Amino acid sequence: MTNLHPPPVQERRDHAGRERLARRVVSEYTQMPGLRLTVAQARRLFGLEQPACERLLQRLVDAGFLARTRAGHFVRRDVTA
């Protein structure tokens, strides 16, 4: 007998988890105002895969909290000097 019903679709998006992670990143940058991270460094620090890390950092850039330097480092926007 075959199963006529597909398995339930699991929601891949974990909104609460993303918010916790965003708060963690903001906290790290707040506690260390001179923090300058590349995507690779942020991936290791926060334990993320490349695409997820890039999306998170870009989200914080879009929100005005982070800025990306010409060298590709992510820094707090108010500490871009």
N, C-alpha and C. Protein backbone atom coordinates (compact mmCIF):
# COMPACT_ATOMS: atom_id res chain seq x y z
N MET A 1 0.84 -1.17 0.00
CA MET A 1 0.00 0.00 0.00
C MET A 1 0.89 1.24 0.00
N THR A 2 0.58 2.19 -0.86
CA THR A 2 1.38 3.41 -0.95
C THR A 2 0.76 4.52 -0.14
N ASN A 3 1.59 5.41 0.28
CA ASN A 3 1.12 6.56 1.05
C ASN A 3 0.65 7.63 0.07
N LEU A 4 -0.61 7.99 0.11
CA LEU A 4 -1.18 8.96 -0.80
C LEU A 4 -1.03 10.39 -0.30
N HIS A 5 -0.56 10.56 0.91
CA HIS A 5 -0.42 11.89 1.48
C HIS A 5 1.06 12.23 1.63
N PRO A 6 1.48 13.38 1.13
CA PRO A 6 2.88 13.76 1.30
C PRO A 6 3.16 14.10 2.76
N PRO A 7 4.41 13.97 3.16
CA PRO A 7 4.73 14.33 4.55
C PRO A 7 4.49 15.82 4.77
N PRO A 8 4.20 16.22 5.99
CA PRO A 8 3.97 17.64 6.26
C PRO A 8 5.23 18.45 5.95
N VAL A 9 5.01 19.64 5.46
CA VAL A 9 6.12 20.53 5.14
C VAL A 9 6.58 21.19 6.43
N GLN A 10 7.87 21.09 6.70
CA GLN A 10 8.40 21.74 7.89
C GLN A 10 8.85 23.14 7.53
N GLU A 11 8.48 24.07 8.35
CA GLU A 11 8.87 25.47 8.15
C GLU A 11 10.34 25.61 8.45
N ARG A 12 11.11 26.03 7.45
CA ARG A 12 12.56 26.18 7.62
C ARG A 12 12.89 27.48 8.34
N ARG A 13 12.00 28.42 8.31
CA ARG A 13 12.30 29.72 8.91
C ARG A 13 12.06 29.69 10.41
N ASP A 14 13.08 30.04 11.13
CA ASP A 14 12.98 30.10 12.59
C ASP A 14 13.13 31.57 12.97
N HIS A 15 12.00 32.27 12.95
CA HIS A 15 12.02 33.71 13.20
C HIS A 15 12.58 34.05 14.58
N ALA A 16 12.18 33.30 15.59
CA ALA A 16 12.66 33.57 16.95
C ALA A 16 14.16 33.33 17.02
N GLY A 17 14.63 32.29 16.38
CA GLY A 17 16.07 32.00 16.37
C GLY A 17 16.86 33.08 15.66
N ARG A 18 16.31 33.58 14.56
CA ARG A 18 17.00 34.67 13.84
C ARG A 18 17.06 35.92 14.68
N GLU A 19 16.00 36.21 15.41
CA GLU A 19 15.99 37.41 16.26
C GLU A 19 17.00 37.27 17.40
N ARG A 20 17.07 36.08 17.99
CA ARG A 20 18.06 35.85 19.06
C ARG A 20 19.48 36.04 18.52
N LEU A 21 19.72 35.52 17.34
CA LEU A 21 21.05 35.64 16.74
C LEU A 21 21.36 37.09 16.41
N ALA A 22 20.40 37.82 15.88
CA ALA A 22 20.61 39.24 15.57
C ALA A 22 20.92 40.01 16.85
N ARG A 23 20.21 39.70 17.94
CA ARG A 23 20.49 40.36 19.21
C ARG A 23 21.88 40.02 19.71
N ARG A 24 22.32 38.79 19.48
CA ARG A 24 23.67 38.39 19.89
C ARG A 24 24.72 39.18 19.12
N VAL A 25 24.53 39.32 17.81
CA VAL A 25 25.48 40.07 16.99
C VAL A 25 25.51 41.52 17.43
N VAL A 26 24.35 42.12 17.63
CA VAL A 26 24.28 43.51 18.10
C VAL A 26 24.99 43.63 19.44
N SER A 27 24.78 42.68 20.33
CA SER A 27 25.42 42.70 21.64
C SER A 27 26.94 42.64 21.52
N GLU A 28 27.45 41.77 20.66
CA GLU A 28 28.91 41.66 20.47
C GLU A 28 29.48 42.98 19.97
N TYR A 29 28.83 43.58 18.99
CA TYR A 29 29.31 44.85 18.45
C TYR A 29 29.16 45.99 19.45
N THR A 30 28.15 45.92 20.30
CA THR A 30 27.94 46.95 21.32
C THR A 30 29.00 46.84 22.41
N GLN A 31 29.31 45.62 22.81
CA GLN A 31 30.31 45.41 23.86
C GLN A 31 31.73 45.70 23.37
N MET A 32 31.96 45.54 22.08
CA MET A 32 33.29 45.78 21.51
C MET A 32 33.14 46.74 20.33
N PRO A 33 33.05 48.05 20.60
CA PRO A 33 32.77 49.04 19.54
C PRO A 33 33.76 49.01 18.37
N GLY A 34 34.99 48.57 18.59
CA GLY A 34 35.98 48.52 17.51
C GLY A 34 35.98 47.22 16.73
N LEU A 35 35.00 46.35 16.98
CA LEU A 35 34.95 45.05 16.32
C LEU A 35 34.83 45.22 14.81
N ARG A 36 35.71 44.54 14.07
CA ARG A 36 35.72 44.57 12.61
C ARG A 36 35.79 43.13 12.14
N LEU A 37 34.73 42.64 11.53
CA LEU A 37 34.69 41.24 11.10
C LEU A 37 34.42 41.11 9.61
N THR A 38 35.13 40.19 8.99
CA THR A 38 34.79 39.80 7.63
C THR A 38 33.66 38.78 7.73
N VAL A 39 33.08 38.41 6.62
CA VAL A 39 32.02 37.39 6.64
C VAL A 39 32.60 36.09 7.20
N ALA A 40 33.80 35.72 6.77
CA ALA A 40 34.41 34.47 7.24
C ALA A 40 34.62 34.49 8.75
N GLN A 41 35.07 35.60 9.29
CA GLN A 41 35.27 35.71 10.73
C GLN A 41 33.94 35.66 11.48
N ALA A 42 32.94 36.35 10.95
CA ALA A 42 31.61 36.34 11.58
C ALA A 42 31.02 34.93 11.54
N ARG A 43 31.23 34.22 10.45
CA ARG A 43 30.73 32.84 10.34
C ARG A 43 31.28 31.99 11.47
N ARG A 44 32.59 32.09 11.71
CA ARG A 44 33.22 31.30 12.77
C ARG A 44 32.74 31.74 14.15
N LEU A 45 32.68 33.04 14.37
CA LEU A 45 32.29 33.56 15.68
C LEU A 45 30.85 33.18 16.04
N PHE A 46 29.95 33.27 15.07
CA PHE A 46 28.54 33.04 15.34
C PHE A 46 28.06 31.65 14.93
N GLY A 47 28.95 30.84 14.36
CA GLY A 47 28.60 29.46 14.01
C GLY A 47 27.56 29.35 12.92
N LEU A 48 27.71 30.15 11.86
CA LEU A 48 26.71 30.19 10.79
C LEU A 48 27.28 29.69 9.47
N GLU A 49 26.39 29.24 8.62
CA GLU A 49 26.75 28.92 7.24
C GLU A 49 26.88 30.24 6.48
N GLN A 50 27.63 30.23 5.40
CA GLN A 50 27.91 31.44 4.62
C GLN A 50 26.65 32.22 4.23
N PRO A 51 25.67 31.58 3.58
CA PRO A 51 24.49 32.36 3.15
C PRO A 51 23.73 33.00 4.31
N ALA A 52 23.56 32.26 5.40
CA ALA A 52 22.83 32.79 6.55
C ALA A 52 23.60 33.95 7.18
N CYS A 53 24.91 33.83 7.25
CA CYS A 53 25.73 34.89 7.83
C CYS A 53 25.65 36.16 6.97
N GLU A 54 25.76 35.99 5.67
CA GLU A 54 25.67 37.14 4.77
C GLU A 54 24.33 37.84 4.89
N ARG A 55 23.24 37.06 4.97
CA ARG A 55 21.90 37.64 5.11
C ARG A 55 21.78 38.40 6.41
N LEU A 56 22.28 37.83 7.50
CA LEU A 56 22.18 38.48 8.80
C LEU A 56 22.97 39.79 8.82
N LEU A 57 24.20 39.76 8.34
CA LEU A 57 25.01 40.98 8.33
C LEU A 57 24.38 42.04 7.44
N GLN A 58 23.87 41.63 6.29
CA GLN A 58 23.24 42.59 5.39
C GLN A 58 21.98 43.18 6.03
N ARG A 59 21.26 42.37 6.76
CA ARG A 59 20.07 42.85 7.46
C ARG A 59 20.44 43.95 8.46
N LEU A 60 21.56 43.77 9.15
CA LEU A 60 22.01 44.77 10.12
C LEU A 60 22.57 46.01 9.43
N VAL A 61 23.12 45.84 8.23
CA VAL A 61 23.54 47.00 7.42
C VAL A 61 22.30 47.77 6.99
N ASP A 62 21.32 47.06 6.47
CA ASP A 62 20.08 47.70 6.02
C ASP A 62 19.36 48.42 7.15
N ALA A 63 19.47 47.89 8.37
CA ALA A 63 18.83 48.51 9.53
C ALA A 63 19.61 49.72 10.04
N GLY A 64 20.81 49.93 9.50
CA GLY A 64 21.61 51.08 9.90
C GLY A 64 22.51 50.84 11.10
N PHE A 65 22.57 49.60 11.59
CA PHE A 65 23.43 49.32 12.74
C PHE A 65 24.87 49.06 12.31
N LEU A 66 25.06 48.31 11.23
CA LEU A 66 26.40 48.00 10.73
C LEU A 66 26.66 48.73 9.42
N ALA A 67 27.93 48.86 9.11
CA ALA A 67 28.37 49.37 7.81
C ALA A 67 29.42 48.40 7.30
N ARG A 68 29.57 48.34 5.99
CA ARG A 68 30.61 47.50 5.40
C ARG A 68 31.70 48.41 4.84
N THR A 69 32.92 48.15 5.26
CA THR A 69 34.04 48.98 4.79
C THR A 69 34.43 48.56 3.38
N ARG A 70 35.24 49.38 2.75
CA ARG A 70 35.73 49.04 1.41
C ARG A 70 36.53 47.75 1.41
N ALA A 71 37.17 47.47 2.53
CA ALA A 71 37.96 46.24 2.66
C ALA A 71 37.09 45.01 2.96
N GLY A 72 35.77 45.22 3.14
CA GLY A 72 34.86 44.11 3.36
C GLY A 72 34.62 43.75 4.81
N HIS A 73 35.05 44.59 5.74
CA HIS A 73 34.78 44.35 7.15
C HIS A 73 33.44 44.95 7.54
N PHE A 74 32.77 44.29 8.46
CA PHE A 74 31.53 44.82 9.01
C PHE A 74 31.86 45.47 10.35
N VAL A 75 31.47 46.72 10.49
CA VAL A 75 31.75 47.53 11.68
C VAL A 75 30.46 48.23 12.09
N ARG A 76 30.44 48.68 13.35
CA ARG A 76 29.30 49.48 13.77
C ARG A 76 29.28 50.76 12.97
N ARG A 77 28.11 51.15 12.53
CA ARG A 77 27.99 52.34 11.68
C ARG A 77 28.51 53.58 12.38
N ASP A 78 28.29 53.70 13.66
CA ASP A 78 28.74 54.89 14.38
C ASP A 78 30.22 54.85 14.75
N VAL A 79 30.94 53.81 14.29
CA VAL A 79 32.37 53.68 14.56
C VAL A 79 33.11 53.40 13.25
N THR A 80 32.67 53.99 12.14
CA THR A 80 33.25 53.67 10.84
C THR A 80 34.56 54.39 10.54
N ALA A 81 35.01 55.25 11.42
CA ALA A 81 36.25 56.00 11.17
C ALA A 81 37.46 55.10 11.11
